[in-house]
Amino acid sequence: MKTVTGIIHGKTIELTDAPNFADGAEVEIVIRPSRPKRQPGEGFLRTEGALADDTVWDGIMEEIQHARCRATVAN
């Protein structure tokens, strides 16, 4: 069993890699959209600003900030 990617052109699928099966071999095909290729950190950028102006979240972050400052001073 091997997974290969391809590009659909109408009823034809152009494979990006050779499947390495014998010519004429009968195969079973399962087609599903591939996951989009993402750059590292892209997920953070897509959620940027999601918690802006959220007073509950602002309070949580303020508590974390104070706790870190106290931990730094104690060390």
PDB file of N, CA and C in Angstrom:
ATOM      1  N   MET A   1       0.843  -1.176   0.000  1.00  0.00           N
ATOM      2  CA  MET A   1       0.000   0.000   0.000  1.00  0.00           C
ATOM      3  C   MET A   1       0.885   1.235   0.000  1.00  0.00           C
ATOM      4  N   LYS A   2       0.503   2.232  -0.772  1.00  0.00           N
ATOM      5  CA  LYS A   2       1.280   3.457  -0.859  1.00  0.00           C
ATOM      6  C   LYS A   2       0.341   4.635  -1.029  1.00  0.00           C
ATOM      7  N   THR A   3       0.665   5.745  -0.385  1.00  0.00           N
ATOM      8  CA  THR A   3      -0.094   6.974  -0.557  1.00  0.00           C
ATOM      9  C   THR A   3       0.678   7.892  -1.475  1.00  0.00           C
ATOM     10  N   VAL A   4       0.031   8.345  -2.527  1.00  0.00           N
ATOM     11  CA  VAL A   4       0.638   9.310  -3.439  1.00  0.00           C
ATOM     12  C   VAL A   4      -0.326  10.481  -3.609  1.00  0.00           C
ATOM     13  N   THR A   5       0.220  11.626  -3.907  1.00  0.00           N
ATOM     14  CA  THR A   5      -0.625  12.791  -4.139  1.00  0.00           C
ATOM     15  C   THR A   5      -0.744  13.026  -5.634  1.00  0.00           C
ATOM     16  N   GLY A   6      -1.736  13.794  -6.000  1.00  0.00           N
ATOM     17  CA  GLY A   6      -1.939  14.086  -7.406  1.00  0.00           C
ATOM     18  C   GLY A   6      -2.760  15.341  -7.586  1.00  0.00           C
ATOM     19  N   ILE A   7      -2.901  15.734  -8.823  1.00  0.00           N
ATOM     20  CA  ILE A   7      -3.672  16.913  -9.178  1.00  0.00           C
ATOM     21  C   ILE A   7      -4.743  16.481 -10.164  1.00  0.00           C
ATOM     22  N   ILE A   8      -5.988  16.893  -9.880  1.00  0.00           N
ATOM     23  CA  ILE A   8      -7.109  16.512 -10.740  1.00  0.00           C
ATOM     24  C   ILE A   8      -7.211  17.474 -11.912  1.00  0.00           C
ATOM     25  N   HIS A   9      -7.342  16.903 -13.106  1.00  0.00           N
ATOM     26  CA  HIS A   9      -7.585  17.649 -14.343  1.00  0.00           C
ATOM     27  C   HIS A   9      -8.809  17.001 -14.995  1.00  0.00           C
ATOM     28  N   GLY A  10      -9.984  17.499 -14.656  1.00  0.00           N
ATOM     29  CA  GLY A  10     -11.203  16.872 -15.181  1.00  0.00           C
ATOM     30  C   GLY A  10     -11.356  15.480 -14.598  1.00  0.00           C
ATOM     31  N   LYS A  11     -11.410  14.449 -15.488  1.00  0.00           N
ATOM     32  CA  LYS A  11     -11.523  13.054 -15.031  1.00  0.00           C
ATOM     33  C   LYS A  11     -10.164  12.390 -14.873  1.00  0.00           C
ATOM     34  N   THR A  12      -9.092  13.124 -15.106  1.00  0.00           N
ATOM     35  CA  THR A  12      -7.735  12.571 -15.029  1.00  0.00           C
ATOM     36  C   THR A  12      -7.048  13.063 -13.763  1.00  0.00           C
ATOM     37  N   ILE A  13      -6.306  12.174 -13.103  1.00  0.00           N
ATOM     38  CA  ILE A  13      -5.510  12.549 -11.937  1.00  0.00           C
ATOM     39  C   ILE A  13      -4.044  12.377 -12.307  1.00  0.00           C
ATOM     40  N   GLU A  14      -3.305  13.477 -12.265  1.00  0.00           N
ATOM     41  CA  GLU A  14      -1.864  13.443 -12.550  1.00  0.00           C
ATOM     42  C   GLU A  14      -1.129  13.215 -11.240  1.00  0.00           C
ATOM     43  N   LEU A  15      -0.448  12.067 -11.113  1.00  0.00           N
ATOM     44  CA  LEU A  15       0.258  11.730  -9.879  1.00  0.00           C
ATOM     45  C   LEU A  15       1.557  12.509  -9.778  1.00  0.00           C
ATOM     46  N   THR A  16       1.865  12.986  -8.579  1.00  0.00           N
ATOM     47  CA  THR A  16       3.111  13.728  -8.389  1.00  0.00           C
ATOM     48  C   THR A  16       4.302  12.787  -8.170  1.00  0.00           C
ATOM     49  N   ASP A  17       4.042  11.546  -7.790  1.00  0.00           N
ATOM     50  CA  ASP A  17       5.086  10.530  -7.602  1.00  0.00           C
ATOM     51  C   ASP A  17       4.675   9.255  -8.317  1.00  0.00           C
ATOM     52  N   ALA A  18       5.649   8.466  -8.687  1.00  0.00           N
ATOM     53  CA  ALA A  18       5.352   7.173  -9.306  1.00  0.00           C
ATOM     54  C   ALA A  18       4.831   6.216  -8.237  1.00  0.00           C
ATOM     55  N   PRO A  19       3.752   5.494  -8.513  1.00  0.00           N
ATOM     56  CA  PRO A  19       3.217   4.573  -7.506  1.00  0.00           C
ATOM     57  C   PRO A  19       4.058   3.304  -7.347  1.00  0.00           C
ATOM     58  N   ASN A  20       4.907   3.003  -8.314  1.00  0.00           N
ATOM     59  CA  ASN A  20       5.797   1.829  -8.264  1.00  0.00           C
ATOM     60  C   ASN A  20       5.056   0.500  -8.178  1.00  0.00           C
ATOM     61  N   PHE A  21       3.957   0.387  -8.933  1.00  0.00           N
ATOM     62  CA  PHE A  21       3.273  -0.888  -9.100  1.00  0.00           C
ATOM     63  C   PHE A  21       3.530  -1.349 -10.523  1.00  0.00           C
ATOM     64  N   ALA A  22       3.395  -2.628 -10.733  1.00  0.00           N
ATOM     65  CA  ALA A  22       3.610  -3.177 -12.076  1.00  0.00           C
ATOM     66  C   ALA A  22       2.598  -2.593 -13.053  1.00  0.00           C
ATOM     67  N   ASP A  23       3.053  -2.344 -14.271  1.00  0.00           N
ATOM     68  CA  ASP A  23       2.162  -1.826 -15.308  1.00  0.00           C
ATOM     69  C   ASP A  23       1.024  -2.822 -15.520  1.00  0.00           C
ATOM     70  N   GLY A  24      -0.192  -2.342 -15.511  1.00  0.00           N
ATOM     71  CA  GLY A  24      -1.358  -3.202 -15.675  1.00  0.00           C
ATOM     72  C   GLY A  24      -1.917  -3.745 -14.375  1.00  0.00           C
ATOM     73  N   ALA A  25      -1.268  -3.432 -13.251  1.00  0.00           N
ATOM     74  CA  ALA A  25      -1.752  -3.922 -11.955  1.00  0.00           C
ATOM     75  C   ALA A  25      -3.095  -3.273 -11.633  1.00  0.00           C
ATOM     76  N   GLU A  26      -3.993  -4.047 -11.080  1.00  0.00           N
ATOM     77  CA  GLU A  26      -5.282  -3.517 -10.667  1.00  0.00           C
ATOM     78  C   GLU A  26      -5.104  -2.886  -9.286  1.00  0.00           C
ATOM     79  N   VAL A  27      -5.609  -1.676  -9.111  1.00  0.00           N
ATOM     80  CA  VAL A  27      -5.455  -0.969  -7.841  1.00  0.00           C
ATOM     81  C   VAL A  27      -6.802  -0.440  -7.372  1.00  0.00           C
ATOM     82  N   GLU A  28      -6.888  -0.158  -6.107  1.00  0.00           N
ATOM     83  CA  GLU A  28      -8.069   0.465  -5.527  1.00  0.00           C
ATOM     84  C   GLU A  28      -7.711   1.911  -5.227  1.00  0.00           C
ATOM     85  N   ILE A  29      -8.581   2.821  -5.588  1.00  0.00           N
ATOM     86  CA  ILE A  29      -8.318   4.254  -5.415  1.00  0.00           C
ATOM     87  C   ILE A  29      -9.297   4.836  -4.401  1.00  0.00           C
ATOM     88  N   VAL A  30      -8.774   5.547  -3.423  1.00  0.00           N
ATOM     89  CA  VAL A  30      -9.580   6.318  -2.480  1.00  0.00           C
ATOM     90  C   VAL A  30      -9.149   7.764  -2.649  1.00  0.00           C
ATOM     91  N   ILE A  31     -10.096   8.645  -2.944  1.00  0.00           N
ATOM     92  CA  ILE A  31      -9.751  10.042  -3.197  1.00  0.00           C
ATOM     93  C   ILE A  31     -10.276  10.903  -2.058  1.00  0.00           C
ATOM     94  N   ARG A  32      -9.402  11.744  -1.523  1.00  0.00           N
ATOM     95  CA  ARG A  32      -9.800  12.735  -0.524  1.00  0.00           C
ATOM     96  C   ARG A  32      -8.910  13.955  -0.719  1.00  0.00           C
ATOM     97  N   PRO A  33      -9.427  15.131  -0.403  1.00  0.00           N
ATOM     98  CA  PRO A  33      -8.611  16.339  -0.557  1.00  0.00           C
ATOM     99  C   PRO A  33      -7.402  16.272   0.371  1.00  0.00           C
ATOM    100  N   SER A  34      -6.266  16.713  -0.091  1.00  0.00           N
ATOM    101  CA  SER A  34      -5.082  16.727   0.760  1.00  0.00           C
ATOM    102  C   SER A  34      -5.140  17.930   1.679  1.00  0.00           C
ATOM    103  N   ARG A  35      -4.418  17.832   2.766  1.00  0.00           N
ATOM    104  CA  ARG A  35      -4.353  18.950   3.707  1.00  0.00           C
ATOM    105  C   ARG A  35      -3.521  20.055   3.071  1.00  0.00           C
ATOM    106  N   PRO A  36      -3.956  21.294   3.261  1.00  0.00           N
ATOM    107  CA  PRO A  36      -3.169  22.388   2.687  1.00  0.00           C
ATOM    108  C   PRO A  36      -1.802  22.473   3.365  1.00  0.00           C
ATOM    109  N   LYS A  37      -0.793  22.808   2.593  1.00  0.00           N
ATOM    110  CA  LYS A  37       0.559  22.963   3.136  1.00  0.00           C
ATOM    111  C   LYS A  37       0.607  24.294   3.874  1.00  0.00           C
ATOM    112  N   ARG A  38       1.009  24.259   5.133  1.00  0.00           N
ATOM    113  CA  ARG A  38       1.057  25.470   5.949  1.00  0.00           C
ATOM    114  C   ARG A  38       2.480  25.733   6.412  1.00  0.00           C
ATOM    115  N   GLN A  39       2.784  26.984   6.567  1.00  0.00           N
ATOM    116  CA  GLN A  39       4.082  27.405   7.073  1.00  0.00           C
ATOM    117  C   GLN A  39       4.068  27.360   8.601  1.00  0.00           C
ATOM    118  N   PRO A  40       5.229  27.105   9.237  1.00  0.00           N
ATOM    119  CA  PRO A  40       5.279  27.123  10.697  1.00  0.00           C
ATOM    120  C   PRO A  40       4.814  28.476  11.231  1.00  0.00           C
ATOM    121  N   GLY A  41       3.963  28.452  12.246  1.00  0.00           N
ATOM    122  CA  GLY A  41       3.463  29.679  12.858  1.00  0.00           C
ATOM    123  C   GLY A  41       2.205  30.225  12.209  1.00  0.00           C
ATOM    124  N   GLU A  42       1.786  29.653  11.087  1.00  0.00           N
ATOM    125  CA  GLU A  42       0.608  30.158  10.384  1.00  0.00           C
ATOM    126  C   GLU A  42      -0.655  30.040  11.237  1.00  0.00           C
ATOM    127  N   GLY A  43      -0.747  28.996  12.039  1.00  0.00           N
ATOM    128  CA  GLY A  43      -1.913  28.829  12.898  1.00  0.00           C
ATOM    129  C   GLY A  43      -2.051  29.969  13.899  1.00  0.00           C
ATOM    130  N   PHE A  44      -0.921  30.406  14.440  1.00  0.00           N
ATOM    131  CA  PHE A  44      -0.959  31.540  15.360  1.00  0.00           C
ATOM    132  C   PHE A  44      -1.461  32.789  14.649  1.00  0.00           C
ATOM    133  N   LEU A  45      -0.988  33.000  13.435  1.00  0.00           N
ATOM    134  CA  LEU A  45      -1.402  34.186  12.693  1.00  0.00           C
ATOM    135  C   LEU A  45      -2.894  34.177  12.380  1.00  0.00           C
ATOM    136  N   ARG A  46      -3.455  32.991  12.106  1.00  0.00           N
ATOM    137  CA  ARG A  46      -4.882  32.909  11.796  1.00  0.00           C
ATOM    138  C   ARG A  46      -5.749  33.199  13.008  1.00  0.00           C
ATOM    139  N   THR A  47      -5.218  32.959  14.224  1.00  0.00           N
ATOM    140  CA  THR A  47      -6.008  33.197  15.426  1.00  0.00           C
ATOM    141  C   THR A  47      -5.654  34.520  16.099  1.00  0.00           C
ATOM    142  N   GLU A  48      -4.735  35.254  15.519  1.00  0.00           N
ATOM    143  CA  GLU A  48      -4.306  36.523  16.092  1.00  0.00           C
ATOM    144  C   GLU A  48      -5.508  37.454  16.272  1.00  0.00           C
ATOM    145  N   GLY A  49      -5.641  37.990  17.439  1.00  0.00           N
ATOM    146  CA  GLY A  49      -6.723  38.920  17.727  1.00  0.00           C
ATOM    147  C   GLY A  49      -8.022  38.259  18.154  1.00  0.00           C
ATOM    148  N   ALA A  50      -8.056  36.942  18.238  1.00  0.00           N
ATOM    149  CA  ALA A  50      -9.299  36.245  18.579  1.00  0.00           C
ATOM    150  C   ALA A  50      -9.794  36.606  19.981  1.00  0.00           C
ATOM    151  N   LEU A  51      -8.876  36.918  20.884  1.00  0.00           N
ATOM    152  CA  LEU A  51      -9.269  37.236  22.258  1.00  0.00           C
ATOM    153  C   LEU A  51      -9.097  38.719  22.569  1.00  0.00           C
ATOM    154  N   ALA A  52      -8.967  39.540  21.539  1.00  0.00           N
ATOM    155  CA  ALA A  52      -8.829  40.979  21.763  1.00  0.00           C
ATOM    156  C   ALA A  52     -10.078  41.511  22.438  1.00  0.00           C
ATOM    157  N   ASP A  53      -9.881  42.421  23.371  1.00  0.00           N
ATOM    158  CA  ASP A  53     -10.985  43.074  24.096  1.00  0.00           C
ATOM    159  C   ASP A  53     -11.848  42.081  24.878  1.00  0.00           C
ATOM    160  N   ASP A  54     -11.260  40.971  25.307  1.00  0.00           N
ATOM    161  CA  ASP A  54     -11.963  39.995  26.144  1.00  0.00           C
ATOM    162  C   ASP A  54     -11.509  40.237  27.582  1.00  0.00           C
ATOM    163  N   THR A  55     -12.366  40.842  28.400  1.00  0.00           N
ATOM    164  CA  THR A  55     -11.967  41.232  29.754  1.00  0.00           C
ATOM    165  C   THR A  55     -11.611  40.035  30.630  1.00  0.00           C
ATOM    166  N   VAL A  56     -12.270  38.909  30.428  1.00  0.00           N
ATOM    167  CA  VAL A  56     -11.952  37.702  31.216  1.00  0.00           C
ATOM    168  C   VAL A  56     -10.539  37.242  30.882  1.00  0.00           C
ATOM    169  N   TRP A  57     -10.225  37.158  29.594  1.00  0.00           N
ATOM    170  CA  TRP A  57      -8.898  36.722  29.163  1.00  0.00           C
ATOM    171  C   TRP A  57      -7.839  37.729  29.601  1.00  0.00           C
ATOM    172  N   ASP A  58      -8.157  39.023  29.519  1.00  0.00           N
ATOM    173  CA  ASP A  58      -7.209  40.046  29.961  1.00  0.00           C
ATOM    174  C   ASP A  58      -6.860  39.842  31.437  1.00  0.00           C
ATOM    175  N   GLY A  59      -7.867  39.517  32.264  1.00  0.00           N
ATOM    176  CA  GLY A  59      -7.631  39.267  33.683  1.00  0.00           C
ATOM    177  C   GLY A  59      -6.740  38.048  33.912  1.00  0.00           C
ATOM    178  N   ILE A  60      -6.975  36.993  33.146  1.00  0.00           N
ATOM    179  CA  ILE A  60      -6.155  35.774  33.263  1.00  0.00           C
ATOM    180  C   ILE A  60      -4.708  36.084  32.910  1.00  0.00           C
ATOM    181  N   MET A  61      -4.511  36.803  31.810  1.00  0.00           N
ATOM    182  CA  MET A  61      -3.148  37.138  31.376  1.00  0.00           C
ATOM    183  C   MET A  61      -2.451  38.055  32.379  1.00  0.00           C
ATOM    184  N   GLU A  62      -3.207  38.946  32.994  1.00  0.00           N
ATOM    185  CA  GLU A  62      -2.634  39.838  34.002  1.00  0.00           C
ATOM    186  C   GLU A  62      -2.171  39.033  35.222  1.00  0.00           C
ATOM    187  N   GLU A  63      -2.970  38.045  35.645  1.00  0.00           N
ATOM    188  CA  GLU A  63      -2.576  37.173  36.760  1.00  0.00           C
ATOM    189  C   GLU A  63      -1.292  36.420  36.436  1.00  0.00           C
ATOM    190  N   ILE A  64      -1.193  35.909  35.217  1.00  0.00           N
ATOM    191  CA  ILE A  64       0.016  35.187  34.796  1.00  0.00           C
ATOM    192  C   ILE A  64       1.220  36.117  34.823  1.00  0.00           C
ATOM    193  N   GLN A  65       1.037  37.329  34.305  1.00  0.00           N
ATOM    194  CA  GLN A  65       2.126  38.307  34.288  1.00  0.00           C
ATOM    195  C   GLN A  65       2.617  38.608  35.706  1.00  0.00           C
ATOM    196  N   HIS A  66       1.679  38.839  36.642  1.00  0.00           N
ATOM    197  CA  HIS A  66       2.062  39.126  38.025  1.00  0.00           C
ATOM    198  C   HIS A  66       2.772  37.932  38.662  1.00  0.00           C
ATOM    199  N   ALA A  67       2.289  36.720  38.388  1.00  0.00           N
ATOM    200  CA  ALA A  67       2.907  35.518  38.948  1.00  0.00           C
ATOM    201  C   ALA A  67       4.338  35.365  38.436  1.00  0.00           C
ATOM    202  N   ARG A  68       4.549  35.638  37.154  1.00  0.00           N
ATOM    203  CA  ARG A  68       5.910  35.532  36.591  1.00  0.00           C
ATOM    204  C   ARG A  68       6.835  36.591  37.166  1.00  0.00           C
ATOM    205  N   CYS A  69       6.294  37.797  37.355  1.00  0.00           N
ATOM    206  CA  CYS A  69       7.119  38.860  37.941  1.00  0.00           C
ATOM    207  C   CYS A  69       7.525  38.499  39.367  1.00  0.00           C
ATOM    208  N   ARG A  70       6.579  37.950  40.143  1.00  0.00           N
ATOM    209  CA  ARG A  70       6.885  37.543  41.525  1.00  0.00           C
ATOM    210  C   ARG A  70       7.916  36.421  41.525  1.00  0.00           C
ATOM    211  N   ALA A  71       7.811  35.478  40.600  1.00  0.00           N
ATOM    212  CA  ALA A  71       8.744  34.354  40.534  1.00  0.00           C
ATOM    213  C   ALA A  71      10.141  34.849  40.167  1.00  0.00           C
ATOM    214  N   THR A  72      10.218  35.828  39.289  1.00  0.00           N
ATOM    215  CA  THR A  72      11.518  36.389  38.883  1.00  0.00           C
ATOM    216  C   THR A  72      12.193  37.113  40.045  1.00  0.00           C
ATOM    217  N   VAL A  73      11.418  37.889  40.789  1.00  0.00           N
ATOM    218  CA  VAL A  73      11.947  38.630  41.931  1.00  0.00           C
ATOM    219  C   VAL A  73      12.402  37.664  43.028  1.00  0.00           C
ATOM    220  N   ALA A  74      11.665  36.578  43.243  1.00  0.00           N
ATOM    221  CA  ALA A  74      11.986  35.598  44.284  1.00  0.00           C
ATOM    222  C   ALA A  74      13.277  34.843  43.966  1.00  0.00           C
ATOM    223  N   ASN A  75      13.600  34.711  42.704  1.00  0.00           N
ATOM    224  CA  ASN A  75      14.813  33.967  42.333  1.00  0.00           C
ATOM    225  C   ASN A  75      15.952  34.913  42.358  1.00  0.00           C
TER     226      ASN A  75
END
